[in-house]
N, C-alpha and C. Protein backbone atom coordinates (compact mmCIF):
# COMPACT_ATOMS: atom_id res chain seq x y z
N UNK A 1 70.04 95.29 143.57
CA UNK A 1 69.79 94.17 142.66
C UNK A 1 69.30 94.67 141.31
N UNK A 2 68.37 95.63 141.37
CA UNK A 2 67.84 96.19 140.11
C UNK A 2 68.97 96.87 139.31
N UNK A 3 69.85 97.54 140.06
CA UNK A 3 70.97 98.22 139.41
C UNK A 3 71.89 97.22 138.71
N UNK A 4 72.13 96.09 139.37
CA UNK A 4 72.97 95.05 138.77
C UNK A 4 72.34 94.48 137.50
N UNK A 5 71.02 94.27 137.55
CA UNK A 5 70.31 93.76 136.37
C UNK A 5 70.38 94.76 135.22
N UNK A 6 70.23 96.05 135.56
CA UNK A 6 70.29 97.11 134.54
C UNK A 6 71.66 97.16 133.88
N UNK A 7 72.73 97.02 134.69
CA UNK A 7 74.09 97.04 134.15
C UNK A 7 74.32 95.86 133.22
N UNK A 8 73.85 94.68 133.63
CA UNK A 8 73.98 93.48 132.80
C UNK A 8 73.23 93.64 131.49
N UNK A 9 72.03 94.26 131.56
CA UNK A 9 71.21 94.48 130.35
C UNK A 9 71.93 95.42 129.37
N UNK A 10 72.46 96.52 129.91
CA UNK A 10 73.16 97.49 129.06
C UNK A 10 74.40 96.85 128.42
N UNK A 11 75.17 96.10 129.23
CA UNK A 11 76.37 95.44 128.71
C UNK A 11 76.04 94.44 127.61
N UNK A 12 74.94 93.71 127.79
CA UNK A 12 74.52 92.73 126.78
C UNK A 12 74.15 93.41 125.47
N UNK A 13 73.47 94.57 125.56
CA UNK A 13 73.09 95.32 124.35
C UNK A 13 74.32 95.84 123.62
N UNK A 14 75.29 96.35 124.40
CA UNK A 14 76.52 96.85 123.77
C UNK A 14 77.28 95.73 123.09
N UNK A 15 77.35 94.57 123.74
CA UNK A 15 78.04 93.41 123.15
C UNK A 15 77.34 92.96 121.88
N UNK A 16 76.01 93.00 121.88
CA UNK A 16 75.25 92.63 120.68
C UNK A 16 75.53 93.58 119.54
N UNK A 17 75.65 94.89 119.86
CA UNK A 17 75.95 95.87 118.83
C UNK A 17 77.34 95.62 118.24
N UNK A 18 78.32 95.31 119.14
CA UNK A 18 79.67 95.00 118.66
C UNK A 18 79.66 93.80 117.73
N UNK A 19 78.92 92.76 118.10
CA UNK A 19 78.83 91.57 117.27
C UNK A 19 78.22 91.90 115.92
N UNK A 20 77.22 92.80 115.93
CA UNK A 20 76.57 93.19 114.67
C UNK A 20 77.55 93.92 113.76
N UNK A 21 78.31 94.87 114.36
CA UNK A 21 79.28 95.64 113.57
C UNK A 21 80.33 94.72 112.98
N UNK A 22 80.83 93.78 113.78
CA UNK A 22 81.87 92.88 113.29
C UNK A 22 81.36 91.96 112.19
N UNK A 23 80.11 91.56 112.27
CA UNK A 23 79.58 90.60 111.31
C UNK A 23 79.05 91.27 110.04
N UNK A 24 78.53 92.52 110.17
CA UNK A 24 77.89 93.17 109.03
C UNK A 24 78.76 94.23 108.35
N UNK A 25 79.75 94.74 109.06
CA UNK A 25 80.53 95.85 108.53
C UNK A 25 82.01 95.55 108.68
N UNK A 26 82.73 95.53 107.57
CA UNK A 26 84.14 95.19 107.60
C UNK A 26 84.96 96.35 107.04
N UNK A 27 86.02 96.69 107.74
CA UNK A 27 86.91 97.75 107.29
C UNK A 27 88.18 97.15 106.68
N UNK A 28 88.69 97.82 105.65
CA UNK A 28 89.88 97.35 104.95
C UNK A 28 90.98 98.40 105.06
N UNK A 29 92.21 97.95 105.02
CA UNK A 29 93.35 98.85 105.13
C UNK A 29 93.62 99.59 103.83
N UNK A 30 93.32 98.97 102.69
CA UNK A 30 93.54 99.61 101.39
C UNK A 30 92.32 99.39 100.49
N UNK A 31 92.12 100.32 99.55
CA UNK A 31 91.01 100.18 98.62
C UNK A 31 91.22 99.01 97.65
N UNK A 32 92.52 98.66 97.42
CA UNK A 32 92.80 97.56 96.49
C UNK A 32 92.26 96.23 96.97
N UNK A 33 92.02 96.08 98.28
CA UNK A 33 91.44 94.85 98.82
C UNK A 33 89.99 94.69 98.39
N UNK A 34 89.35 95.82 98.08
CA UNK A 34 87.95 95.80 97.67
C UNK A 34 87.83 95.82 96.15
N UNK A 35 88.52 96.78 95.53
CA UNK A 35 88.49 96.93 94.07
C UNK A 35 89.93 97.00 93.57
N UNK A 36 90.39 96.03 92.79
CA UNK A 36 91.76 96.07 92.26
C UNK A 36 91.99 97.32 91.42
N UNK A 37 93.19 97.86 91.49
CA UNK A 37 93.51 99.04 90.69
C UNK A 37 93.50 98.72 89.20
N UNK A 38 93.08 99.69 88.41
CA UNK A 38 93.07 99.52 86.96
C UNK A 38 94.46 99.74 86.36
N UNK A 39 95.38 100.23 87.17
CA UNK A 39 96.70 100.57 86.66
C UNK A 39 97.39 99.36 86.04
N UNK A 40 97.83 99.54 84.80
CA UNK A 40 98.55 98.47 84.11
C UNK A 40 99.95 98.93 83.69
N UNK A 41 100.25 100.20 83.92
CA UNK A 41 101.54 100.73 83.51
C UNK A 41 102.59 100.49 84.58
N UNK A 42 103.84 100.66 84.17
CA UNK A 42 104.98 100.48 85.09
C UNK A 42 105.62 101.83 85.37
N UNK A 43 105.78 102.16 86.63
CA UNK A 43 106.41 103.43 86.99
C UNK A 43 107.90 103.36 86.69
N UNK A 44 108.35 104.29 85.83
CA UNK A 44 109.77 104.34 85.45
C UNK A 44 110.55 105.18 86.46
N UNK A 45 110.02 106.32 86.80
CA UNK A 45 110.71 107.19 87.74
C UNK A 45 109.82 108.34 88.16
N UNK A 46 110.20 108.98 89.24
CA UNK A 46 109.46 110.16 89.69
C UNK A 46 110.42 111.12 90.37
N UNK A 47 110.18 112.38 90.14
CA UNK A 47 111.00 113.42 90.74
C UNK A 47 110.11 114.16 91.72
N UNK A 48 110.48 114.13 92.98
CA UNK A 48 109.62 114.71 94.00
C UNK A 48 110.41 115.61 94.94
N UNK A 49 109.67 116.42 95.67
CA UNK A 49 110.27 117.35 96.60
C UNK A 49 109.40 117.40 97.84
N UNK A 50 110.01 117.35 99.01
CA UNK A 50 109.25 117.40 100.25
C UNK A 50 108.50 118.71 100.35
N UNK A 51 107.19 118.62 100.61
CA UNK A 51 106.38 119.82 100.76
C UNK A 51 106.56 120.39 102.15
N UNK A 52 107.39 121.42 102.30
CA UNK A 52 107.79 121.91 103.62
C UNK A 52 106.60 122.43 104.42
N UNK A 53 105.77 123.26 103.81
CA UNK A 53 104.62 123.81 104.53
C UNK A 53 103.64 122.72 104.89
N UNK A 54 103.38 121.82 103.92
CA UNK A 54 102.44 120.73 104.16
C UNK A 54 103.01 119.77 105.19
N UNK A 55 104.32 119.56 105.15
CA UNK A 55 104.95 118.64 106.07
C UNK A 55 104.81 119.12 107.52
N UNK A 56 104.86 120.43 107.74
CA UNK A 56 104.70 120.97 109.08
C UNK A 56 103.30 120.70 109.61
N UNK A 57 102.32 120.80 108.72
CA UNK A 57 100.92 120.59 109.13
C UNK A 57 100.64 119.13 109.46
N UNK A 58 101.31 118.23 108.77
CA UNK A 58 101.00 116.81 108.92
C UNK A 58 102.06 116.06 109.72
N UNK A 59 102.99 116.78 110.30
CA UNK A 59 104.03 116.13 111.08
C UNK A 59 105.01 115.35 110.24
N UNK A 60 105.21 115.78 108.99
CA UNK A 60 106.18 115.14 108.12
C UNK A 60 105.66 113.95 107.37
N UNK A 61 104.32 113.80 107.29
CA UNK A 61 103.75 112.61 106.64
C UNK A 61 103.34 112.86 105.20
N UNK A 62 103.57 114.03 104.68
CA UNK A 62 103.14 114.33 103.32
C UNK A 62 104.32 114.60 102.41
N UNK A 63 104.05 114.52 101.11
CA UNK A 63 105.08 114.76 100.11
C UNK A 63 104.43 115.45 98.93
N UNK A 64 105.22 116.18 98.17
CA UNK A 64 104.72 116.78 96.95
C UNK A 64 105.41 116.10 95.78
N UNK A 65 104.67 115.29 95.02
CA UNK A 65 105.22 114.63 93.85
C UNK A 65 105.07 115.57 92.67
N UNK A 66 106.17 115.92 92.06
CA UNK A 66 106.13 116.90 90.99
C UNK A 66 105.88 116.24 89.64
N UNK A 67 106.60 115.18 89.33
CA UNK A 67 106.42 114.50 88.05
C UNK A 67 106.62 113.01 88.21
N UNK A 68 105.95 112.25 87.38
CA UNK A 68 106.08 110.79 87.41
C UNK A 68 105.92 110.25 86.00
N UNK A 69 106.80 109.35 85.61
CA UNK A 69 106.74 108.78 84.25
C UNK A 69 106.32 107.32 84.30
N UNK A 70 105.44 106.96 83.38
CA UNK A 70 104.87 105.61 83.33
C UNK A 70 105.08 105.00 81.95
N UNK A 71 105.50 103.74 81.92
CA UNK A 71 105.59 102.97 80.68
C UNK A 71 104.28 102.20 80.52
N UNK A 72 103.55 102.49 79.45
CA UNK A 72 102.26 101.86 79.21
C UNK A 72 102.42 100.51 78.51
N UNK A 73 101.37 99.70 78.56
CA UNK A 73 101.44 98.36 77.97
C UNK A 73 101.61 98.40 76.45
N UNK A 74 101.20 99.50 75.80
CA UNK A 74 101.34 99.59 74.34
C UNK A 74 102.71 100.12 73.92
N UNK A 75 103.62 100.32 74.90
CA UNK A 75 104.96 100.79 74.57
C UNK A 75 105.10 102.30 74.58
N UNK A 76 103.99 103.02 74.78
CA UNK A 76 104.07 104.48 74.87
C UNK A 76 104.37 104.88 76.31
N UNK A 77 104.64 106.15 76.51
CA UNK A 77 104.98 106.66 77.84
C UNK A 77 104.02 107.79 78.21
N UNK A 78 103.70 107.91 79.48
CA UNK A 78 102.91 109.02 79.98
C UNK A 78 103.69 109.70 81.08
N UNK A 79 103.84 111.01 80.95
CA UNK A 79 104.49 111.80 81.99
C UNK A 79 103.41 112.59 82.72
N UNK A 80 103.21 112.30 84.00
CA UNK A 80 102.25 113.01 84.82
C UNK A 80 102.94 114.14 85.56
N UNK A 81 102.26 115.28 85.69
CA UNK A 81 102.76 116.28 86.61
C UNK A 81 101.60 116.73 87.48
N UNK A 82 101.85 116.77 88.78
CA UNK A 82 100.79 116.97 89.76
C UNK A 82 101.18 118.08 90.73
N UNK A 83 100.16 118.66 91.36
CA UNK A 83 100.44 119.74 92.29
C UNK A 83 100.75 119.22 93.68
N UNK A 84 99.95 118.27 94.19
CA UNK A 84 100.22 117.76 95.53
C UNK A 84 99.35 116.55 95.82
N UNK A 85 99.89 115.55 96.44
CA UNK A 85 99.11 114.49 97.07
C UNK A 85 99.98 113.75 98.07
N UNK A 86 99.39 112.89 98.86
CA UNK A 86 100.09 112.28 99.98
C UNK A 86 100.96 111.12 99.55
N UNK A 87 101.89 110.75 100.41
CA UNK A 87 102.77 109.61 100.17
C UNK A 87 101.93 108.35 99.92
N UNK A 88 102.31 107.56 98.94
CA UNK A 88 101.59 106.32 98.65
C UNK A 88 100.52 106.48 97.59
N UNK A 89 100.11 107.71 97.31
CA UNK A 89 99.05 107.92 96.34
C UNK A 89 99.50 107.62 94.92
N UNK A 90 100.81 107.58 94.71
CA UNK A 90 101.31 107.34 93.36
C UNK A 90 100.85 105.99 92.81
N UNK A 91 100.54 105.03 93.69
CA UNK A 91 100.05 103.73 93.21
C UNK A 91 98.68 103.87 92.56
N UNK A 92 97.97 104.94 92.89
CA UNK A 92 96.63 105.14 92.35
C UNK A 92 96.59 106.27 91.32
N UNK A 93 97.76 106.74 90.94
CA UNK A 93 97.83 107.90 90.04
C UNK A 93 97.09 107.65 88.74
N UNK A 94 97.35 106.51 88.11
CA UNK A 94 96.69 106.23 86.83
C UNK A 94 95.28 105.69 87.02
N UNK A 95 94.90 105.37 88.24
CA UNK A 95 93.53 104.93 88.51
C UNK A 95 92.56 106.09 88.36
N UNK A 96 92.92 107.24 88.91
CA UNK A 96 92.02 108.38 88.89
C UNK A 96 92.04 109.08 87.54
N UNK A 97 93.20 109.14 86.90
CA UNK A 97 93.27 109.72 85.56
C UNK A 97 93.22 111.24 85.56
N UNK A 98 93.41 111.81 84.39
CA UNK A 98 93.50 113.26 84.27
C UNK A 98 92.14 113.93 84.16
N UNK A 99 91.06 113.15 83.96
CA UNK A 99 89.74 113.74 83.79
C UNK A 99 89.12 114.17 85.12
N UNK A 100 89.62 113.63 86.23
CA UNK A 100 89.09 113.96 87.54
C UNK A 100 89.41 115.41 87.88
N UNK A 101 88.41 116.31 87.95
CA UNK A 101 88.69 117.73 88.16
C UNK A 101 89.32 118.05 89.51
N UNK A 102 89.18 117.15 90.48
CA UNK A 102 89.75 117.42 91.80
C UNK A 102 91.13 116.81 91.97
N UNK A 103 91.60 116.07 90.97
CA UNK A 103 92.86 115.35 91.13
C UNK A 103 94.08 116.24 90.96
N UNK A 104 93.92 117.37 90.27
CA UNK A 104 95.03 118.28 90.00
C UNK A 104 96.17 117.56 89.30
N UNK A 105 95.79 116.65 88.40
CA UNK A 105 96.78 115.88 87.65
C UNK A 105 96.73 116.29 86.18
N UNK A 106 97.86 116.53 85.58
CA UNK A 106 97.95 116.76 84.15
C UNK A 106 98.95 115.76 83.59
N UNK A 107 98.91 115.54 82.28
CA UNK A 107 99.84 114.58 81.70
C UNK A 107 100.02 114.84 80.22
N UNK A 108 101.05 114.22 79.65
CA UNK A 108 101.19 114.18 78.20
C UNK A 108 101.74 112.81 77.82
N UNK A 109 101.41 112.40 76.60
CA UNK A 109 101.74 111.06 76.12
C UNK A 109 102.87 111.13 75.10
N UNK A 110 103.83 110.20 75.23
CA UNK A 110 104.94 110.09 74.28
C UNK A 110 104.84 108.75 73.57
N UNK A 111 105.03 108.76 72.26
CA UNK A 111 104.74 107.59 71.43
C UNK A 111 105.56 106.36 71.77
N UNK A 112 106.83 106.57 72.11
CA UNK A 112 107.71 105.40 72.29
C UNK A 112 108.95 105.77 73.09
N UNK A 113 109.84 104.80 73.28
CA UNK A 113 111.05 105.01 74.08
C UNK A 113 111.96 106.06 73.46
N UNK A 114 111.98 106.11 72.14
CA UNK A 114 112.83 107.10 71.46
C UNK A 114 112.44 108.52 71.87
N UNK A 115 111.13 108.81 71.89
CA UNK A 115 110.66 110.14 72.28
C UNK A 115 110.89 110.39 73.77
N UNK A 116 110.75 109.34 74.56
CA UNK A 116 110.99 109.44 76.00
C UNK A 116 112.44 109.81 76.28
N UNK A 117 113.36 109.14 75.60
CA UNK A 117 114.78 109.44 75.75
C UNK A 117 115.12 110.82 75.22
N UNK A 118 114.44 111.22 74.13
CA UNK A 118 114.66 112.55 73.57
C UNK A 118 114.26 113.63 74.58
N UNK A 119 113.14 113.41 75.27
CA UNK A 119 112.71 114.36 76.30
C UNK A 119 113.79 114.51 77.37
N UNK A 120 114.36 113.38 77.77
CA UNK A 120 115.43 113.39 78.77
C UNK A 120 116.61 114.23 78.29
N UNK A 121 117.03 114.00 77.05
CA UNK A 121 118.17 114.71 76.49
C UNK A 121 117.91 116.21 76.42
N UNK A 122 116.70 116.58 76.00
CA UNK A 122 116.36 118.00 75.85
C UNK A 122 116.31 118.71 77.20
N UNK A 123 115.83 118.02 78.23
CA UNK A 123 115.78 118.63 79.56
C UNK A 123 117.18 118.87 80.10
N UNK A 124 118.09 117.92 79.87
CA UNK A 124 119.47 118.08 80.33
C UNK A 124 120.17 119.19 79.53
N UNK A 125 119.95 119.18 78.22
CA UNK A 125 120.56 120.20 77.37
C UNK A 125 120.11 121.60 77.79
N UNK A 126 118.80 121.72 78.03
CA UNK A 126 118.26 123.02 78.45
C UNK A 126 118.80 123.45 79.79
N UNK A 127 118.95 122.49 80.71
CA UNK A 127 119.50 122.80 82.03
C UNK A 127 120.91 123.37 81.91
N UNK A 128 121.72 122.76 81.04
CA UNK A 128 123.11 123.17 80.91
C UNK A 128 123.25 124.50 80.17
N UNK A 129 122.32 124.78 79.24
CA UNK A 129 122.42 126.02 78.46
C UNK A 129 121.80 127.22 79.17
N UNK A 130 120.86 126.97 80.07
CA UNK A 130 120.23 128.06 80.80
C UNK A 130 121.18 128.56 81.89
N UNK A 131 121.51 129.83 81.84
CA UNK A 131 122.46 130.40 82.79
C UNK A 131 121.70 131.14 83.90
N UNK A 132 121.88 130.68 85.13
CA UNK A 132 121.22 131.32 86.27
C UNK A 132 121.97 132.58 86.67
N UNK A 133 121.21 133.60 87.03
CA UNK A 133 121.81 134.84 87.52
C UNK A 133 121.90 134.78 89.04
N UNK A 134 123.02 135.19 89.63
CA UNK A 134 123.17 135.08 91.08
C UNK A 134 122.21 135.94 91.90
N UNK A 135 121.61 136.95 91.27
CA UNK A 135 120.70 137.86 92.00
C UNK A 135 119.33 137.95 91.33
N UNK A 136 119.35 138.22 90.01
CA UNK A 136 118.10 138.45 89.28
C UNK A 136 117.47 137.13 88.85
N UNK A 137 116.15 136.99 89.04
CA UNK A 137 115.44 135.80 88.58
C UNK A 137 115.22 135.90 87.07
N UNK A 138 115.66 134.88 86.35
CA UNK A 138 115.49 134.83 84.90
C UNK A 138 114.51 133.72 84.55
N UNK A 139 113.78 133.91 83.46
CA UNK A 139 112.86 132.88 82.95
C UNK A 139 113.10 132.72 81.45
N UNK A 140 113.30 131.48 81.00
CA UNK A 140 113.47 131.19 79.58
C UNK A 140 112.61 129.98 79.22
N UNK A 141 112.21 129.91 77.94
CA UNK A 141 111.36 128.83 77.48
C UNK A 141 111.99 128.12 76.28
N UNK A 142 111.70 126.84 76.15
CA UNK A 142 112.13 126.07 74.98
C UNK A 142 110.93 125.29 74.44
N UNK A 143 110.73 125.36 73.14
CA UNK A 143 109.64 124.62 72.49
C UNK A 143 110.14 123.22 72.15
N UNK A 144 109.57 122.22 72.81
CA UNK A 144 109.98 120.82 72.55
C UNK A 144 108.79 120.01 72.05
N UNK A 145 107.87 120.68 71.36
CA UNK A 145 106.64 120.02 70.90
C UNK A 145 106.90 118.81 70.02
N UNK A 146 108.06 118.74 69.39
CA UNK A 146 108.34 117.62 68.49
C UNK A 146 108.43 116.28 69.23
N UNK A 147 108.61 116.30 70.56
CA UNK A 147 108.64 115.03 71.28
C UNK A 147 107.23 114.40 71.34
N UNK A 148 106.21 115.21 71.03
CA UNK A 148 104.83 114.71 71.08
C UNK A 148 104.41 114.02 69.79
N UNK A 149 105.24 114.10 68.75
CA UNK A 149 104.88 113.51 67.46
C UNK A 149 104.63 112.01 67.57
N UNK A 150 103.51 111.56 67.02
CA UNK A 150 103.16 110.14 67.05
C UNK A 150 102.40 109.72 68.30
N UNK A 151 102.37 110.58 69.31
CA UNK A 151 101.68 110.25 70.56
C UNK A 151 100.27 110.83 70.59
N UNK A 152 99.57 110.60 71.68
CA UNK A 152 98.18 111.05 71.80
C UNK A 152 98.06 112.56 71.92
N UNK A 153 99.16 113.23 72.25
CA UNK A 153 99.15 114.70 72.36
C UNK A 153 99.73 115.40 71.14
N UNK A 154 99.88 114.65 70.04
CA UNK A 154 100.40 115.28 68.83
C UNK A 154 99.49 116.43 68.42
N UNK A 155 100.08 117.57 68.09
CA UNK A 155 99.31 118.76 67.75
C UNK A 155 99.26 119.77 68.89
N UNK A 156 99.53 119.31 70.10
CA UNK A 156 99.63 120.21 71.24
C UNK A 156 101.01 120.86 71.26
N UNK A 157 101.15 121.90 72.07
CA UNK A 157 102.45 122.55 72.26
C UNK A 157 102.99 122.20 73.64
N UNK A 158 104.24 121.72 73.69
CA UNK A 158 104.88 121.41 74.95
C UNK A 158 106.12 122.28 75.11
N UNK A 159 106.16 123.05 76.18
CA UNK A 159 107.28 123.93 76.45
C UNK A 159 107.99 123.51 77.73
N UNK A 160 109.29 123.72 77.76
CA UNK A 160 110.05 123.63 79.00
C UNK A 160 110.25 125.06 79.50
N UNK A 161 109.94 125.28 80.76
CA UNK A 161 110.11 126.61 81.36
C UNK A 161 111.25 126.53 82.37
N UNK A 162 112.30 127.27 82.11
CA UNK A 162 113.46 127.29 83.01
C UNK A 162 113.45 128.59 83.81
N UNK A 163 113.69 128.50 85.11
CA UNK A 163 113.85 129.70 85.91
C UNK A 163 114.83 129.41 87.05
N UNK A 164 115.26 130.45 87.69
CA UNK A 164 116.23 130.28 88.78
C UNK A 164 115.84 131.09 90.01
N UNK A 165 116.24 130.57 91.14
CA UNK A 165 116.20 131.34 92.39
C UNK A 165 117.66 131.45 92.82
N UNK A 166 118.21 132.62 92.62
CA UNK A 166 119.66 132.84 92.75
C UNK A 166 120.36 131.90 91.77
N UNK A 167 121.22 131.01 92.24
CA UNK A 167 121.94 130.15 91.29
C UNK A 167 121.29 128.77 91.16
N UNK A 168 120.22 128.52 91.90
CA UNK A 168 119.54 127.22 91.83
C UNK A 168 118.55 127.24 90.67
N UNK A 169 118.68 126.25 89.79
CA UNK A 169 117.86 126.23 88.57
C UNK A 169 116.71 125.22 88.67
N UNK A 170 115.59 125.58 88.05
CA UNK A 170 114.40 124.74 88.04
C UNK A 170 113.85 124.65 86.62
N UNK A 171 113.12 123.56 86.36
CA UNK A 171 112.46 123.40 85.07
C UNK A 171 111.06 122.85 85.31
N UNK A 172 110.12 123.26 84.47
CA UNK A 172 108.76 122.73 84.56
C UNK A 172 108.17 122.59 83.16
N UNK A 173 107.06 121.85 83.07
CA UNK A 173 106.38 121.65 81.79
C UNK A 173 105.22 122.64 81.65
N UNK A 174 104.99 123.10 80.43
CA UNK A 174 103.78 123.84 80.11
C UNK A 174 103.19 123.20 78.85
N UNK A 175 101.98 122.68 78.98
CA UNK A 175 101.31 122.01 77.86
C UNK A 175 100.15 122.87 77.39
N UNK A 176 100.12 123.18 76.10
CA UNK A 176 99.04 123.97 75.51
C UNK A 176 98.22 123.06 74.59
N UNK A 177 96.92 122.97 74.85
CA UNK A 177 96.04 122.17 74.01
C UNK A 177 96.01 122.74 72.60
N UNK A 178 96.20 121.87 71.60
CA UNK A 178 96.28 122.31 70.22
C UNK A 178 95.02 122.95 69.69
N UNK A 179 93.84 122.56 70.21
CA UNK A 179 92.56 123.10 69.71
C UNK A 179 92.10 124.32 70.49
N UNK A 180 92.18 124.25 71.81
CA UNK A 180 91.64 125.34 72.64
C UNK A 180 92.69 126.35 73.06
N UNK A 181 93.96 125.93 73.07
CA UNK A 181 95.01 126.80 73.58
C UNK A 181 95.10 126.81 75.09
N UNK A 182 94.23 126.04 75.75
CA UNK A 182 94.27 125.96 77.22
C UNK A 182 95.62 125.44 77.69
N UNK A 183 96.09 125.98 78.81
CA UNK A 183 97.42 125.63 79.31
C UNK A 183 97.34 124.90 80.64
N UNK A 184 98.16 123.85 80.77
CA UNK A 184 98.37 123.23 82.08
C UNK A 184 99.86 123.32 82.37
N UNK A 185 100.19 123.69 83.59
CA UNK A 185 101.59 123.89 83.96
C UNK A 185 102.00 122.93 85.05
N UNK A 186 103.19 122.37 84.92
CA UNK A 186 103.72 121.47 85.92
C UNK A 186 104.42 122.25 87.02
N UNK A 187 104.57 121.62 88.16
CA UNK A 187 105.30 122.22 89.26
C UNK A 187 106.80 122.13 88.97
N UNK A 188 107.60 123.04 89.52
CA UNK A 188 109.03 123.06 89.20
C UNK A 188 109.79 121.86 89.73
N UNK A 189 110.69 121.37 88.92
CA UNK A 189 111.61 120.29 89.29
C UNK A 189 112.97 120.93 89.56
N UNK A 190 113.60 120.53 90.65
CA UNK A 190 114.98 120.95 90.91
C UNK A 190 115.81 120.31 89.81
N UNK A 191 116.27 121.13 88.87
CA UNK A 191 116.81 120.62 87.61
C UNK A 191 117.94 119.62 87.77
N UNK A 192 118.71 119.76 88.83
CA UNK A 192 119.86 118.87 89.03
C UNK A 192 119.42 117.41 89.11
N UNK A 193 118.14 117.18 89.50
CA UNK A 193 117.65 115.83 89.69
C UNK A 193 116.69 115.37 88.59
N UNK A 194 116.84 115.93 87.40
CA UNK A 194 116.00 115.55 86.26
C UNK A 194 116.03 114.03 86.05
N UNK A 195 117.18 113.42 86.25
CA UNK A 195 117.33 111.99 86.02
C UNK A 195 116.34 111.13 86.79
N UNK A 196 115.89 111.60 87.95
CA UNK A 196 114.94 110.82 88.75
C UNK A 196 113.65 110.53 88.00
N UNK A 197 113.23 111.47 87.17
CA UNK A 197 112.01 111.28 86.38
C UNK A 197 112.16 110.13 85.40
N UNK A 198 113.39 109.84 85.01
CA UNK A 198 113.65 108.81 84.01
C UNK A 198 114.24 107.55 84.62
N UNK A 199 114.07 107.41 85.93
CA UNK A 199 114.52 106.20 86.61
C UNK A 199 116.00 106.13 86.80
N UNK A 200 116.68 107.27 86.83
CA UNK A 200 118.14 107.30 86.95
C UNK A 200 118.55 107.99 88.24
N UNK A 201 119.68 107.58 88.79
CA UNK A 201 120.23 108.25 89.97
C UNK A 201 121.21 109.35 89.57
N UNK A 202 121.30 109.60 88.26
CA UNK A 202 122.22 110.60 87.72
C UNK A 202 121.94 111.98 88.32
N UNK A 203 122.99 112.64 88.76
CA UNK A 203 122.90 114.03 89.20
C UNK A 203 123.67 114.87 88.22
N UNK A 204 123.00 115.79 87.57
CA UNK A 204 123.64 116.62 86.55
C UNK A 204 124.69 117.51 87.19
N UNK A 205 125.83 117.61 86.54
CA UNK A 205 126.94 118.41 87.04
C UNK A 205 126.54 119.88 87.05
N UNK A 206 126.50 120.48 88.23
CA UNK A 206 126.06 121.88 88.35
C UNK A 206 127.06 122.86 87.76
N UNK A 207 128.27 122.40 87.48
CA UNK A 207 129.28 123.31 86.92
C UNK A 207 129.08 123.53 85.43
N UNK A 208 128.27 122.67 84.81
CA UNK A 208 128.05 122.81 83.36
C UNK A 208 126.93 123.77 83.07
């Protein structure tokens, strides 16, 4: 009898604790349910590549987003380049911003659609002019700093870095701060899919 009373007492205490947790502590599926995102820009496009090593560790649940372009409310554009984060994090990309030292996010600002389209043209032109060697890895650079004119990064240096692994060509961004000379480098984009960054399904002809 005493044992039965003890079991009932313990069960009642556990039930009371459950009721307390349900009434005092609430869990949410997303942070946006608690605090709305500050993001006001529109994602134009993103060029990404599956992170093979990371994917093995997470059972295929991770991705490596290389670059993402955003149209801002003032008509300017921001191109983000990041080292790694998980699927779905792109919705919070502009929430955390480039000042967060743990975010591993870099960016540059383009004044308007004209400069944004110019960047697209220069990346395609560079892809077609850069000749990959079938054996030797080559690296070439192009100074495209003029696309920054009128934007928040005017005065900085922006380079396109082209390299190849055998005949497969890649391009990445290198941004040099105009005052300090500090450099931030983007992760390589499989050049054939440059169009994805600009919201296009265009695949550049590899024969050119």
